[in-house]
Amino acid sequence: MRNSRNAKAKPPAKAKAEFALLAAGLVIAAVSLLAAGLVVASWLSAQQPRACTMEAKLCPDGSAVGRSGPNCEFAPCPTDNSNCTCPQGYVKEGNACNPACYYSTPKCLMASVECTPAR
């Protein structure tokens, strides 16, 4: 009877090797899940729209530009183009023609346009 018990029991060296293999597998799985979570988190944060602060930069010509783009950088100041004209219903500011309703209606539906050189 003693021999039958010893036949079923694993040698201590084999049991230690299996335990080490199981522990290594669990560590690899945990590190893989952590890395995957970090990748997904960084991807999700990159997909979120970024809101820029509502600061304005005064340009030498007296106009103002705001922050825009993915890095919230100030738009470039317009160059002096004194011989440009704007369509009817627009007000000239530097190289831009802003709709007159922009100054009186917060939700003006007309887009700003670039002024065209006068002929």
C-alpha atoms as a PDB file:
ATOM      1  CA  MET A   1       0.000   0.000   0.000  1.00  0.00           C
ATOM      2  CA  ARG A   2       2.809   2.321   0.639  1.00  0.00           C
ATOM      3  CA  ASN A   3       4.093   1.918  -2.877  1.00  0.00           C
ATOM      4  CA  SER A   4       0.750   2.957  -4.402  1.00  0.00           C
ATOM      5  CA  ARG A   5       0.784   6.314  -2.563  1.00  0.00           C
ATOM      6  CA  ASN A   6       4.317   7.089  -3.638  1.00  0.00           C
ATOM      7  CA  ALA A   7       3.474   6.238  -7.235  1.00  0.00           C
ATOM      8  CA  LYS A   8       0.728   8.915  -7.394  1.00  0.00           C
ATOM      9  CA  ALA A   9       2.650  11.728  -5.678  1.00  0.00           C
ATOM     10  CA  LYS A  10       4.722  14.045  -7.889  1.00  0.00           C
ATOM     11  CA  PRO A  11       8.375  14.443  -7.193  1.00  0.00           C
ATOM     12  CA  PRO A  12       9.098  17.805  -5.447  1.00  0.00           C
ATOM     13  CA  ALA A  13      11.296  19.057  -8.296  1.00  0.00           C
ATOM     14  CA  LYS A  14       8.541  18.513 -10.891  1.00  0.00           C
ATOM     15  CA  ALA A  15       5.939  20.250  -8.696  1.00  0.00           C
ATOM     16  CA  LYS A  16       8.228  23.267  -8.263  1.00  0.00           C
ATOM     17  CA  ALA A  17       8.828  23.451 -12.013  1.00  0.00           C
ATOM     18  CA  GLU A  18       5.084  23.376 -12.768  1.00  0.00           C
ATOM     19  CA  PHE A  19       4.436  26.063 -10.141  1.00  0.00           C
ATOM     20  CA  ALA A  20       7.183  28.277 -11.612  1.00  0.00           C
ATOM     21  CA  LEU A  21       5.747  27.804 -15.112  1.00  0.00           C
ATOM     22  CA  LEU A  22       2.236  28.678 -13.903  1.00  0.00           C
ATOM     23  CA  ALA A  23       3.502  31.758 -12.041  1.00  0.00           C
ATOM     24  CA  ALA A  24       5.455  32.951 -15.106  1.00  0.00           C
ATOM     25  CA  GLY A  25       2.354  32.515 -17.283  1.00  0.00           C
ATOM     26  CA  LEU A  26       0.234  34.545 -14.878  1.00  0.00           C
ATOM     27  CA  VAL A  27       2.836  37.339 -14.752  1.00  0.00           C
ATOM     28  CA  ILE A  28       3.023  37.468 -18.560  1.00  0.00           C
ATOM     29  CA  ALA A  29      -0.780  37.578 -18.818  1.00  0.00           C
ATOM     30  CA  ALA A  30      -1.011  40.392 -16.248  1.00  0.00           C
ATOM     31  CA  VAL A  31       1.665  42.479 -17.987  1.00  0.00           C
ATOM     32  CA  SER A  32      -0.028  41.925 -21.368  1.00  0.00           C
ATOM     33  CA  LEU A  33      -3.401  43.081 -20.013  1.00  0.00           C
ATOM     34  CA  LEU A  34      -1.834  46.146 -18.423  1.00  0.00           C
ATOM     35  CA  ALA A  35      -0.045  47.074 -21.653  1.00  0.00           C
ATOM     36  CA  ALA A  36      -3.248  46.611 -23.678  1.00  0.00           C
ATOM     37  CA  GLY A  37      -5.146  48.813 -21.227  1.00  0.00           C
ATOM     38  CA  LEU A  38      -2.559  51.575 -21.528  1.00  0.00           C
ATOM     39  CA  VAL A  39      -2.688  51.439 -25.327  1.00  0.00           C
ATOM     40  CA  VAL A  40      -6.492  51.662 -25.347  1.00  0.00           C
ATOM     41  CA  ALA A  41      -6.471  54.513 -22.806  1.00  0.00           C
ATOM     42  CA  SER A  42      -3.977  56.545 -24.832  1.00  0.00           C
ATOM     43  CA  TRP A  43      -5.951  55.921 -28.029  1.00  0.00           C
ATOM     44  CA  LEU A  44      -9.189  57.051 -26.397  1.00  0.00           C
ATOM     45  CA  SER A  45      -7.614  60.213 -25.011  1.00  0.00           C
ATOM     46  CA  ALA A  46      -6.227  61.055 -28.465  1.00  0.00           C
ATOM     47  CA  GLN A  47      -9.721  60.716 -29.952  1.00  0.00           C
ATOM     48  CA  GLN A  48     -11.306  63.241 -27.588  1.00  0.00           C
ATOM     49  CA  PRO A  49     -11.814  66.725 -29.033  1.00  0.00           C
ATOM     50  CA  ARG A  50      -9.735  69.373 -27.336  1.00  0.00           C
ATOM     51  CA  ALA A  51     -11.251  72.710 -26.372  1.00  0.00           C
ATOM     52  CA  CYS A  52      -8.957  75.706 -26.728  1.00  0.00           C
ATOM     53  CA  THR A  53      -9.055  78.642 -24.327  1.00  0.00           C
ATOM     54  CA  MET A  54     -10.891  81.710 -25.569  1.00  0.00           C
ATOM     55  CA  GLU A  55      -7.848  83.984 -25.596  1.00  0.00           C
ATOM     56  CA  ALA A  56      -7.212  86.520 -28.332  1.00  0.00           C
ATOM     57  CA  LYS A  57      -3.914  87.797 -29.672  1.00  0.00           C
ATOM     58  CA  LEU A  58      -3.837  91.390 -30.915  1.00  0.00           C
ATOM     59  CA  CYS A  59      -2.121  91.752 -34.265  1.00  0.00           C
ATOM     60  CA  PRO A  60      -0.170  94.820 -35.465  1.00  0.00           C
ATOM     61  CA  ASP A  61      -2.998  95.802 -37.833  1.00  0.00           C
ATOM     62  CA  GLY A  62      -5.464  96.009 -34.918  1.00  0.00           C
ATOM     63  CA  SER A  63      -7.240  92.744 -35.629  1.00  0.00           C
ATOM     64  CA  ALA A  64      -7.338  89.834 -33.218  1.00  0.00           C
ATOM     65  CA  VAL A  65      -6.800  86.111 -33.771  1.00  0.00           C
ATOM     66  CA  GLY A  66      -7.823  83.214 -31.551  1.00  0.00           C
ATOM     67  CA  ARG A  67      -6.439  79.787 -30.761  1.00  0.00           C
ATOM     68  CA  SER A  68      -7.268  76.874 -33.054  1.00  0.00           C
ATOM     69  CA  GLY A  69      -6.045  73.497 -34.275  1.00  0.00           C
ATOM     70  CA  PRO A  70      -5.035  70.372 -32.375  1.00  0.00           C
ATOM     71  CA  ASN A  71      -2.293  72.198 -30.429  1.00  0.00           C
ATOM     72  CA  CYS A  72      -4.441  75.282 -29.674  1.00  0.00           C
ATOM     73  CA  GLU A  73      -1.902  77.622 -31.258  1.00  0.00           C
ATOM     74  CA  PHE A  74      -2.742  81.177 -32.221  1.00  0.00           C
ATOM     75  CA  ALA A  75      -3.709  81.611 -35.850  1.00  0.00           C
ATOM     76  CA  PRO A  76      -1.223  83.720 -37.833  1.00  0.00           C
ATOM     77  CA  CYS A  77      -1.847  87.439 -37.948  1.00  0.00           C
ATOM     78  CA  PRO A  78      -3.130  88.657 -41.288  1.00  0.00           C
ATOM     79  CA  THR A  79      -0.702  90.453 -43.557  1.00  0.00           C
ATOM     80  CA  ASP A  80      -1.444  94.013 -44.598  1.00  0.00           C
ATOM     81  CA  ASN A  81      -3.667  93.840 -47.645  1.00  0.00           C
ATOM     82  CA  SER A  82      -5.240  97.270 -47.765  1.00  0.00           C
ATOM     83  CA  ASN A  83      -6.481  96.924 -51.316  1.00  0.00           C
ATOM     84  CA  CYS A  84      -8.858  94.031 -50.744  1.00  0.00           C
ATOM     85  CA  THR A  85     -12.649  94.164 -50.834  1.00  0.00           C
ATOM     86  CA  CYS A  86     -15.330  92.206 -49.055  1.00  0.00           C
ATOM     87  CA  PRO A  87     -18.730  91.125 -50.383  1.00  0.00           C
ATOM     88  CA  GLN A  88     -21.848  92.996 -49.316  1.00  0.00           C
ATOM     89  CA  GLY A  89     -22.866  92.129 -45.740  1.00  0.00           C
ATOM     90  CA  TYR A  90     -19.265  91.514 -44.620  1.00  0.00           C
ATOM     91  CA  VAL A  91     -16.879  93.652 -42.552  1.00  0.00           C
ATOM     92  CA  LYS A  92     -13.167  93.730 -43.390  1.00  0.00           C
ATOM     93  CA  GLU A  93     -10.670  92.794 -40.663  1.00  0.00           C
ATOM     94  CA  GLY A  94      -7.141  92.330 -41.968  1.00  0.00           C
ATOM     95  CA  ASN A  95      -7.306  89.673 -44.710  1.00  0.00           C
ATOM     96  CA  ALA A  96     -10.604  88.303 -43.441  1.00  0.00           C
ATOM     97  CA  CYS A  97     -14.118  89.363 -44.208  1.00  0.00           C
ATOM     98  CA  ASN A  98     -16.348  88.587 -41.243  1.00  0.00           C
ATOM     99  CA  PRO A  99     -20.122  88.604 -41.668  1.00  0.00           C
ATOM    100  CA  ALA A 100     -21.813  91.676 -40.212  1.00  0.00           C
ATOM    101  CA  CYS A 101     -24.163  89.403 -38.241  1.00  0.00           C
ATOM    102  CA  TYR A 102     -21.133  87.998 -36.386  1.00  0.00           C
ATOM    103  CA  TYR A 103     -21.016  91.148 -34.274  1.00  0.00           C
ATOM    104  CA  SER A 104     -24.737  91.220 -33.426  1.00  0.00           C
ATOM    105  CA  THR A 105     -25.800  87.539 -33.349  1.00  0.00           C
ATOM    106  CA  PRO A 106     -23.885  84.944 -31.315  1.00  0.00           C
ATOM    107  CA  LYS A 107     -24.945  82.130 -33.654  1.00  0.00           C
ATOM    108  CA  CYS A 108     -24.294  83.798 -36.992  1.00  0.00           C
ATOM    109  CA  LEU A 109     -24.685  81.217 -39.765  1.00  0.00           C
ATOM    110  CA  MET A 110     -22.509  82.978 -42.329  1.00  0.00           C
ATOM    111  CA  ALA A 111     -18.867  81.890 -42.548  1.00  0.00           C
ATOM    112  CA  SER A 112     -15.928  84.278 -42.669  1.00  0.00           C
ATOM    113  CA  VAL A 113     -14.234  84.567 -46.063  1.00  0.00           C
ATOM    114  CA  GLU A 114     -10.858  85.784 -47.251  1.00  0.00           C
ATOM    115  CA  CYS A 115     -10.989  89.195 -48.841  1.00  0.00           C
ATOM    116  CA  THR A 116     -10.100  89.355 -52.511  1.00  0.00           C
ATOM    117  CA  PRO A 117      -7.677  91.914 -53.988  1.00  0.00           C
ATOM    118  CA  ALA A 118      -9.414  94.905 -55.590  1.00  0.00           C
ATOM    119  CA  ARG A 119      -8.951  95.282 -59.332  1.00  0.00           C
END
